Amino acid sequence: MRNAFTRFGGHAGGRRGGLVPVPPCGTVPCHQGVGHEDALIEVALEAGADDIISTGDGFEIRCDVHAFDRVAHALEHRGIKAESAEIA
């Protein structure tokens, strides 16, 4: 059953992970001449994020539970302000 959910885009309450929503570039500073999106992707991936999704409201960074603190701290260290951070 879980395989069917996964194959067709759903989930059966399986894996937990970190979710860090980040607002779009006009609401946070861009870094060292690099665009906000480029800096965000670089920092998040180096810290262990699994995925960065562009949404109409900014970006969602998704990561494994074990990488959550590392990703959140790396963003904060670079001055990228997250709207929130949670394990979902």
PDB file of N, CA and C in Angstrom:
ATOM      1  N   MET A   1       0.816  -1.189   0.000  1.00  0.00           N
ATOM      2  CA  MET A   1       0.000   0.000   0.000  1.00  0.00           C
ATOM      3  C   MET A   1       0.866   1.263   0.000  1.00  0.00           C
ATOM      4  N   ARG A   2       1.894   1.287   0.837  1.00  0.00           N
ATOM      5  CA  ARG A   2       2.772   2.454   0.894  1.00  0.00           C
ATOM      6  C   ARG A   2       3.403   2.708  -0.474  1.00  0.00           C
ATOM      7  N   ASN A   3       3.788   1.644  -1.182  1.00  0.00           N
ATOM      8  CA  ASN A   3       4.382   1.773  -2.503  1.00  0.00           C
ATOM      9  C   ASN A   3       3.423   2.460  -3.472  1.00  0.00           C
ATOM     10  N   ALA A   4       2.144   2.120  -3.423  1.00  0.00           N
ATOM     11  CA  ALA A   4       1.147   2.742  -4.300  1.00  0.00           C
ATOM     12  C   ALA A   4       1.018   4.230  -4.009  1.00  0.00           C
ATOM     13  N   PHE A   5       0.984   4.596  -2.733  1.00  0.00           N
ATOM     14  CA  PHE A   5       0.915   6.015  -2.380  1.00  0.00           C
ATOM     15  C   PHE A   5       2.123   6.763  -2.923  1.00  0.00           C
ATOM     16  N   THR A   6       3.309   6.223  -2.694  1.00  0.00           N
ATOM     17  CA  THR A   6       4.545   6.871  -3.120  1.00  0.00           C
ATOM     18  C   THR A   6       4.597   7.010  -4.640  1.00  0.00           C
ATOM     19  N   ARG A   7       4.222   5.965  -5.334  1.00  0.00           N
ATOM     20  CA  ARG A   7       4.297   5.971  -6.803  1.00  0.00           C
ATOM     21  C   ARG A   7       3.367   7.006  -7.409  1.00  0.00           C
ATOM     22  N   PHE A   8       2.239   7.298  -6.764  1.00  0.00           N
ATOM     23  CA  PHE A   8       1.278   8.231  -7.330  1.00  0.00           C
ATOM     24  C   PHE A   8       1.253   9.579  -6.613  1.00  0.00           C
ATOM     25  N   GLY A   9       2.346   9.897  -5.905  1.00  0.00           N
ATOM     26  CA  GLY A   9       2.508  11.239  -5.349  1.00  0.00           C
ATOM     27  C   GLY A   9       1.934  11.459  -3.969  1.00  0.00           C
ATOM     28  N   GLY A  10       1.446  10.431  -3.310  1.00  0.00           N
ATOM     29  CA  GLY A  10       0.915  10.584  -1.964  1.00  0.00           C
ATOM     30  C   GLY A  10       1.881  10.042  -0.943  1.00  0.00           C
ATOM     31  N   HIS A  11       1.431   9.915   0.293  1.00  0.00           N
ATOM     32  CA  HIS A  11       2.258   9.285   1.315  1.00  0.00           C
ATOM     33  C   HIS A  11       1.348   8.619   2.332  1.00  0.00           C
ATOM     34  N   ALA A  12       1.876   7.666   3.015  1.00  0.00           N
ATOM     35  CA  ALA A  12       1.098   6.926   4.012  1.00  0.00           C
ATOM     36  C   ALA A  12       1.623   7.211   5.413  1.00  0.00           C
ATOM     37  N   GLY A  13       2.013   8.438   5.656  1.00  0.00           N
ATOM     38  CA  GLY A  13       2.486   8.821   6.978  1.00  0.00           C
ATOM     39  C   GLY A  13       3.865   8.286   7.297  1.00  0.00           C
ATOM     40  N   GLY A  14       4.671   8.046   6.285  1.00  0.00           N
ATOM     41  CA  GLY A  14       5.979   7.434   6.459  1.00  0.00           C
ATOM     42  C   GLY A  14       7.024   8.353   7.026  1.00  0.00           C
ATOM     43  N   ARG A  15       7.919   8.805   6.217  1.00  0.00           N
ATOM     44  CA  ARG A  15       9.119   9.509   6.625  1.00  0.00           C
ATOM     45  C   ARG A  15       8.867  10.912   7.142  1.00  0.00           C
ATOM     46  N   ARG A  16       9.544  11.258   8.213  1.00  0.00           N
ATOM     47  CA  ARG A  16       9.504  12.630   8.731  1.00  0.00           C
ATOM     48  C   ARG A  16      10.734  13.360   8.213  1.00  0.00           C
ATOM     49  N   GLY A  17      10.622  14.654   8.080  1.00  0.00           N
ATOM     50  CA  GLY A  17      11.760  15.426   7.619  1.00  0.00           C
ATOM     51  C   GLY A  17      11.637  16.871   8.049  1.00  0.00           C
ATOM     52  N   GLY A  18      12.717  17.621   7.808  1.00  0.00           N
ATOM     53  CA  GLY A  18      12.727  19.025   8.150  1.00  0.00           C
ATOM     54  C   GLY A  18      12.167  19.861   7.019  1.00  0.00           C
ATOM     55  N   LEU A  19      11.460  20.925   7.373  1.00  0.00           N
ATOM     56  CA  LEU A  19      10.901  21.851   6.412  1.00  0.00           C
ATOM     57  C   LEU A  19      11.246  23.259   6.868  1.00  0.00           C
ATOM     58  N   VAL A  20      11.934  24.011   6.000  1.00  0.00           N
ATOM     59  CA  VAL A  20      12.342  25.376   6.331  1.00  0.00           C
ATOM     60  C   VAL A  20      11.851  26.304   5.221  1.00  0.00           C
ATOM     61  N   PRO A  21      10.733  27.025   5.430  1.00  0.00           N
ATOM     62  CA  PRO A  21      10.274  27.987   4.432  1.00  0.00           C
ATOM     63  C   PRO A  21      11.096  29.281   4.499  1.00  0.00           C
ATOM     64  N   VAL A  22      11.493  29.793   3.342  1.00  0.00           N
ATOM     65  CA  VAL A  22      12.296  31.013   3.257  1.00  0.00           C
ATOM     66  C   VAL A  22      11.563  31.983   2.336  1.00  0.00           C
ATOM     67  N   PRO A  23      11.403  33.252   2.749  1.00  0.00           N
ATOM     68  CA  PRO A  23      10.694  34.226   1.913  1.00  0.00           C
ATOM     69  C   PRO A  23      11.473  34.567   0.639  1.00  0.00           C
ATOM     70  N   PRO A  24      10.793  35.158  -0.341  1.00  0.00           N
ATOM     71  CA  PRO A  24      11.478  35.522  -1.589  1.00  0.00           C
ATOM     72  C   PRO A  24      12.506  36.627  -1.413  1.00  0.00           C
ATOM     73  N   CYS A  25      13.403  36.792  -2.374  1.00  0.00           N
ATOM     74  CA  CYS A  25      14.503  37.775  -2.319  1.00  0.00           C
ATOM     75  C   CYS A  25      13.999  39.158  -2.024  1.00  0.00           C
ATOM     76  N   GLY A  26      13.441  39.953  -2.161  1.00  0.00           N
ATOM     77  CA  GLY A  26      13.113  41.291  -1.747  1.00  0.00           C
ATOM     78  C   GLY A  26      12.896  41.440  -0.257  1.00  0.00           C
ATOM     79  N   THR A  27      12.646  40.344   0.455  1.00  0.00           N
ATOM     80  CA  THR A  27      12.374  40.456   1.888  1.00  0.00           C
ATOM     81  C   THR A  27      13.573  40.084   2.742  1.00  0.00           C
ATOM     82  N   VAL A  28      14.624  39.560   2.136  1.00  0.00           N
ATOM     83  CA  VAL A  28      15.859  39.237   2.852  1.00  0.00           C
ATOM     84  C   VAL A  28      17.025  39.718   2.010  1.00  0.00           C
ATOM     85  N   PRO A  29      18.161  39.998   2.630  1.00  0.00           N
ATOM     86  CA  PRO A  29      19.287  40.515   1.861  1.00  0.00           C
ATOM     87  C   PRO A  29      19.879  39.476   0.913  1.00  0.00           C
ATOM     88  N   CYS A  30      20.423  39.968  -0.211  1.00  0.00           N
ATOM     89  CA  CYS A  30      21.193  39.103  -1.092  1.00  0.00           C
ATOM     90  C   CYS A  30      22.639  39.153  -0.596  1.00  0.00           C
ATOM     91  N   HIS A  31      23.428  38.142  -0.862  1.00  0.00           N
ATOM     92  CA  HIS A  31      24.714  37.970  -0.216  1.00  0.00           C
ATOM     93  C   HIS A  31      25.889  38.112  -1.168  1.00  0.00           C
ATOM     94  N   GLN A  32      26.817  38.967  -0.833  1.00  0.00           N
ATOM     95  CA  GLN A  32      28.101  39.094  -1.511  1.00  0.00           C
ATOM     96  C   GLN A  32      27.959  39.133  -3.028  1.00  0.00           C
ATOM     97  N   GLY A  33      26.992  39.892  -3.516  1.00  0.00           N
ATOM     98  CA  GLY A  33      26.818  40.016  -4.949  1.00  0.00           C
ATOM     99  C   GLY A  33      26.197  38.795  -5.612  1.00  0.00           C
ATOM    100  N   VAL A  34      25.849  37.808  -4.825  1.00  0.00           N
ATOM    101  CA  VAL A  34      25.226  36.605  -5.359  1.00  0.00           C
ATOM    102  C   VAL A  34      23.736  36.713  -5.117  1.00  0.00           C
ATOM    103  N   GLY A  35      22.924  36.341  -6.088  1.00  0.00           N
ATOM    104  CA  GLY A  35      21.481  36.398  -5.922  1.00  0.00           C
ATOM    105  C   GLY A  35      21.022  35.545  -4.756  1.00  0.00           C
ATOM    106  N   HIS A  36      19.928  35.926  -4.166  1.00  0.00           N
ATOM    107  CA  HIS A  36      19.370  35.226  -3.011  1.00  0.00           C
ATOM    108  C   HIS A  36      19.163  33.743  -3.314  1.00  0.00           C
ATOM    109  N   GLU A  37      18.584  33.428  -4.450  1.00  0.00           N
ATOM    110  CA  GLU A  37      18.312  32.034  -4.781  1.00  0.00           C
ATOM    111  C   GLU A  37      19.595  31.223  -4.900  1.00  0.00           C
ATOM    112  N   ASP A  38      20.616  31.793  -5.555  1.00  0.00           N
ATOM    113  CA  ASP A  38      21.895  31.089  -5.696  1.00  0.00           C
ATOM    114  C   ASP A  38      22.544  30.836  -4.333  1.00  0.00           C
ATOM    115  N   ALA A  39      22.543  31.856  -3.481  1.00  0.00           N
ATOM    116  CA  ALA A  39      23.131  31.708  -2.144  1.00  0.00           C
ATOM    117  C   ALA A  39      22.346  30.694  -1.322  1.00  0.00           C
ATOM    118  N   LEU A  40      21.045  30.761  -1.419  1.00  0.00           N
ATOM    119  CA  LEU A  40      20.190  29.843  -0.680  1.00  0.00           C
ATOM    120  C   LEU A  40      20.460  28.393  -1.080  1.00  0.00           C
ATOM    121  N   ILE A  41      20.512  28.135  -2.368  1.00  0.00           N
ATOM    122  CA  ILE A  41      20.769  26.778  -2.865  1.00  0.00           C
ATOM    123  C   ILE A  41      22.136  26.296  -2.415  1.00  0.00           C
ATOM    124  N   GLU A  42      23.149  27.140  -2.567  1.00  0.00           N
ATOM    125  CA  GLU A  42      24.513  26.759  -2.180  1.00  0.00           C
ATOM    126  C   GLU A  42      24.602  26.406  -0.700  1.00  0.00           C
ATOM    127  N   VAL A  43      24.094  27.273   0.145  1.00  0.00           N
ATOM    128  CA  VAL A  43      24.171  27.065   1.593  1.00  0.00           C
ATOM    129  C   VAL A  43      23.371  25.833   2.008  1.00  0.00           C
ATOM    130  N   ALA A  44      22.165  25.707   1.501  1.00  0.00           N
ATOM    131  CA  ALA A  44      21.300  24.595   1.901  1.00  0.00           C
ATOM    132  C   ALA A  44      21.878  23.249   1.479  1.00  0.00           C
ATOM    133  N   LEU A  45      22.343  23.151   0.241  1.00  0.00           N
ATOM    134  CA  LEU A  45      22.887  21.874  -0.226  1.00  0.00           C
ATOM    135  C   LEU A  45      24.170  21.501   0.501  1.00  0.00           C
ATOM    136  N   GLU A  46      25.045  22.477   0.734  1.00  0.00           N
ATOM    137  CA  GLU A  46      26.286  22.197   1.465  1.00  0.00           C
ATOM    138  C   GLU A  46      25.997  21.730   2.897  1.00  0.00           C
ATOM    139  N   ALA A  47      24.886  22.198   3.475  1.00  0.00           N
ATOM    140  CA  ALA A  47      24.538  21.826   4.846  1.00  0.00           C
ATOM    141  C   ALA A  47      23.800  20.490   4.923  1.00  0.00           C
ATOM    142  N   GLY A  48      23.395  19.948   3.773  1.00  0.00           N
ATOM    143  CA  GLY A  48      22.760  18.632   3.785  1.00  0.00           C
ATOM    144  C   GLY A  48      21.299  18.602   3.386  1.00  0.00           C
ATOM    145  N   ALA A  49      20.775  19.679   2.799  1.00  0.00           N
ATOM    146  CA  ALA A  49      19.381  19.678   2.352  1.00  0.00           C
ATOM    147  C   ALA A  49      19.190  18.675   1.216  1.00  0.00           C
ATOM    148  N   ASP A  50      18.010  18.098   1.156  1.00  0.00           N
ATOM    149  CA  ASP A  50      17.672  17.154   0.099  1.00  0.00           C
ATOM    150  C   ASP A  50      17.054  17.842  -1.105  1.00  0.00           C
ATOM    151  N   ASP A  51      16.307  18.931  -0.873  1.00  0.00           N
ATOM    152  CA  ASP A  51      15.563  19.561  -1.950  1.00  0.00           C
ATOM    153  C   ASP A  51      15.291  21.012  -1.609  1.00  0.00           C
ATOM    154  N   ILE A  52      15.291  21.872  -2.629  1.00  0.00           N
ATOM    155  CA  ILE A  52      14.896  23.267  -2.493  1.00  0.00           C
ATOM    156  C   ILE A  52      13.816  23.495  -3.528  1.00  0.00           C
ATOM    157  N   ILE A  53      12.634  23.866  -3.088  1.00  0.00           N
ATOM    158  CA  ILE A  53      11.495  24.026  -3.979  1.00  0.00           C
ATOM    159  C   ILE A  53      11.117  25.498  -4.033  1.00  0.00           C
ATOM    160  N   SER A  54      11.018  26.035  -5.243  1.00  0.00           N
ATOM    161  CA  SER A  54      10.567  27.403  -5.435  1.00  0.00           C
ATOM    162  C   SER A  54       9.040  27.407  -5.411  1.00  0.00           C
ATOM    163  N   THR A  55       8.473  28.231  -4.545  1.00  0.00           N
ATOM    164  CA  THR A  55       7.018  28.358  -4.442  1.00  0.00           C
ATOM    165  C   THR A  55       6.642  29.794  -4.768  1.00  0.00           C
ATOM    166  N   GLY A  56       5.379  30.068  -4.891  1.00  0.00           N
ATOM    167  CA  GLY A  56       4.945  31.440  -5.124  1.00  0.00           C
ATOM    168  C   GLY A  56       5.249  32.354  -3.958  1.00  0.00           C
ATOM    169  N   ASP A  57       5.468  31.760  -2.784  1.00  0.00           N
ATOM    170  CA  ASP A  57       5.727  32.534  -1.566  1.00  0.00           C
ATOM    171  C   ASP A  57       7.190  32.518  -1.160  1.00  0.00           C
ATOM    172  N   GLY A  58       8.092  32.072  -2.022  1.00  0.00           N
ATOM    173  CA  GLY A  58       9.511  31.991  -1.687  1.00  0.00           C
ATOM    174  C   GLY A  58      10.057  30.612  -1.998  1.00  0.00           C
ATOM    175  N   PHE A  59      10.657  29.985  -1.006  1.00  0.00           N
ATOM    176  CA  PHE A  59      11.279  28.683  -1.194  1.00  0.00           C
ATOM    177  C   PHE A  59      10.976  27.784  -0.010  1.00  0.00           C
ATOM    178  N   GLU A  60      10.956  26.488  -0.250  1.00  0.00           N
ATOM    179  CA  GLU A  60      10.869  25.503   0.820  1.00  0.00           C
ATOM    180  C   GLU A  60      12.112  24.636   0.750  1.00  0.00           C
ATOM    181  N   ILE A  61      12.818  24.557   1.851  1.00  0.00           N
ATOM    182  CA  ILE A  61      14.000  23.697   1.930  1.00  0.00           C
ATOM    183  C   ILE A  61      13.571  22.454   2.695  1.00  0.00           C
ATOM    184  N   ARG A  62      13.823  21.292   2.105  1.00  0.00           N
ATOM    185  CA  ARG A  62      13.462  20.023   2.745  1.00  0.00           C
ATOM    186  C   ARG A  62      14.726  19.229   3.014  1.00  0.00           C
ATOM    187  N   CYS A  63      14.767  18.607   4.160  1.00  0.00           N
ATOM    188  CA  CYS A  63      15.955  17.857   4.545  1.00  0.00           C
ATOM    189  C   CYS A  63      15.585  16.698   5.450  1.00  0.00           C
ATOM    190  N   ASP A  64      16.522  15.799   5.602  1.00  0.00           N
ATOM    191  CA  ASP A  64      16.382  14.683   6.526  1.00  0.00           C
ATOM    192  C   ASP A  64      16.373  15.229   7.957  1.00  0.00           C
ATOM    193  N   VAL A  65      15.691  14.534   8.837  1.00  0.00           N
ATOM    194  CA  VAL A  65      15.622  14.949  10.235  1.00  0.00           C
ATOM    195  C   VAL A  65      17.020  15.155  10.827  1.00  0.00           C
ATOM    196  N   HIS A  66      17.957  14.298  10.458  1.00  0.00           N
ATOM    197  CA  HIS A  66      19.308  14.366  11.016  1.00  0.00           C
ATOM    198  C   HIS A  66      20.097  15.576  10.503  1.00  0.00           C
ATOM    199  N   ALA A  67      19.699  16.156   9.375  1.00  0.00           N
ATOM    200  CA  ALA A  67      20.388  17.322   8.826  1.00  0.00           C
ATOM    201  C   ALA A  67      19.676  18.624   9.185  1.00  0.00           C
ATOM    202  N   PHE A  68      18.530  18.531   9.839  1.00  0.00           N
ATOM    203  CA  PHE A  68      17.698  19.702  10.108  1.00  0.00           C
ATOM    204  C   PHE A  68      18.431  20.824  10.835  1.00  0.00           C
ATOM    205  N   ASP A  69      19.041  20.526  11.966  1.00  0.00           N
ATOM    206  CA  ASP A  69      19.747  21.561  12.733  1.00  0.00           C
ATOM    207  C   ASP A  69      20.884  22.172  11.931  1.00  0.00           C
ATOM    208  N   ARG A  70      21.621  21.336  11.228  1.00  0.00           N
ATOM    209  CA  ARG A  70      22.749  21.806  10.418  1.00  0.00           C
ATOM    210  C   ARG A  70      22.265  22.772   9.330  1.00  0.00           C
ATOM    211  N   VAL A  71      21.172  22.448   8.649  1.00  0.00           N
ATOM    212  CA  VAL A  71      20.631  23.310   7.594  1.00  0.00           C
ATOM    213  C   VAL A  71      20.136  24.624   8.186  1.00  0.00           C
ATOM    214  N   ALA A  72      19.361  24.557   9.255  1.00  0.00           N
ATOM    215  CA  ALA A  72      18.823  25.771   9.881  1.00  0.00           C
ATOM    216  C   ALA A  72      19.942  26.699  10.363  1.00  0.00           C
ATOM    217  N   HIS A  73      20.978  26.139  10.978  1.00  0.00           N
ATOM    218  CA  HIS A  73      22.098  26.953  11.475  1.00  0.00           C
ATOM    219  C   HIS A  73      22.915  27.540  10.326  1.00  0.00           C
ATOM    220  N   ALA A  74      23.097  26.793   9.253  1.00  0.00           N
ATOM    221  CA  ALA A  74      23.859  27.294   8.105  1.00  0.00           C
ATOM    222  C   ALA A  74      23.150  28.485   7.465  1.00  0.00           C
ATOM    223  N   LEU A  75      21.846  28.407   7.332  1.00  0.00           N
ATOM    224  CA  LEU A  75      21.081  29.527   6.773  1.00  0.00           C
ATOM    225  C   LEU A  75      21.185  30.747   7.670  1.00  0.00           C
ATOM    226  N   GLU A  76      21.001  30.534   8.962  1.00  0.00           N
ATOM    227  CA  GLU A  76      21.083  31.630   9.932  1.00  0.00           C
ATOM    228  C   GLU A  76      22.470  32.270   9.913  1.00  0.00           C
ATOM    229  N   HIS A  77      23.506  31.441   9.844  1.00  0.00           N
ATOM    230  CA  HIS A  77      24.886  31.931   9.824  1.00  0.00           C
ATOM    231  C   HIS A  77      25.149  32.832   8.609  1.00  0.00           C
ATOM    232  N   ARG A  78      24.545  32.520   7.466  1.00  0.00           N
ATOM    233  CA  ARG A  78      24.716  33.326   6.256  1.00  0.00           C
ATOM    234  C   ARG A  78      23.746  34.498   6.179  1.00  0.00           C
ATOM    235  N   GLY A  79      22.918  34.665   7.203  1.00  0.00           N
ATOM    236  CA  GLY A  79      21.984  35.808   7.236  1.00  0.00           C
ATOM    237  C   GLY A  79      20.721  35.586   6.427  1.00  0.00           C
ATOM    238  N   ILE A  80      20.431  34.342   6.066  1.00  0.00           N
ATOM    239  CA  ILE A  80      19.204  34.030   5.326  1.00  0.00           C
ATOM    240  C   ILE A  80      18.120  33.724   6.359  1.00  0.00           C
ATOM    241  N   LYS A  81      17.123  34.563   6.405  1.00  0.00           N
ATOM    242  CA  LYS A  81      16.073  34.461   7.428  1.00  0.00           C
ATOM    243  C   LYS A  81      14.980  33.505   6.976  1.00  0.00           C
ATOM    244  N   ALA A  82      14.766  32.467   7.740  1.00  0.00           N
ATOM    245  CA  ALA A  82      13.661  31.533   7.487  1.00  0.00           C
ATOM    246  C   ALA A  82      12.413  32.061   8.150  1.00  0.00           C
ATOM    247  N   GLU A  83      11.258  31.776   7.556  1.00  0.00           N
ATOM    248  CA  GLU A  83       9.997  32.167   8.167  1.00  0.00           C
ATOM    249  C   GLU A  83       9.713  31.328   9.398  1.00  0.00           C
ATOM    250  N   SER A  84      10.118  30.073   9.350  1.00  0.00           N
ATOM    251  CA  SER A  84       9.968  29.142  10.458  1.00  0.00           C
ATOM    252  C   SER A  84      10.839  27.940  10.142  1.00  0.00           C
ATOM    253  N   ALA A  85      10.875  27.000  11.016  1.00  0.00           N
ATOM    254  CA  ALA A  85      11.614  25.751  10.772  1.00  0.00           C
ATOM    255  C   ALA A  85      10.942  24.680  11.614  1.00  0.00           C
ATOM    256  N   GLU A  86      10.636  23.545  10.982  1.00  0.00           N
ATOM    257  CA  GLU A  86       9.910  22.516  11.713  1.00  0.00           C
ATOM    258  C   GLU A  86      10.212  21.123  11.175  1.00  0.00           C
ATOM    259  N   ILE A  87       9.983  20.154  12.018  1.00  0.00           N
ATOM    260  CA  ILE A  87      10.039  18.754  11.618  1.00  0.00           C
ATOM    261  C   ILE A  87       8.610  18.373  11.273  1.00  0.00           C
ATOM    262  N   ALA A  88       8.403  17.901  10.055  1.00  0.00           N
ATOM    263  CA  ALA A  88       7.035  17.572   9.611  1.00  0.00           C
ATOM    264  C   ALA A  88       6.965  16.127   9.175  1.00  0.00           C
TER     265      ALA A  88
END
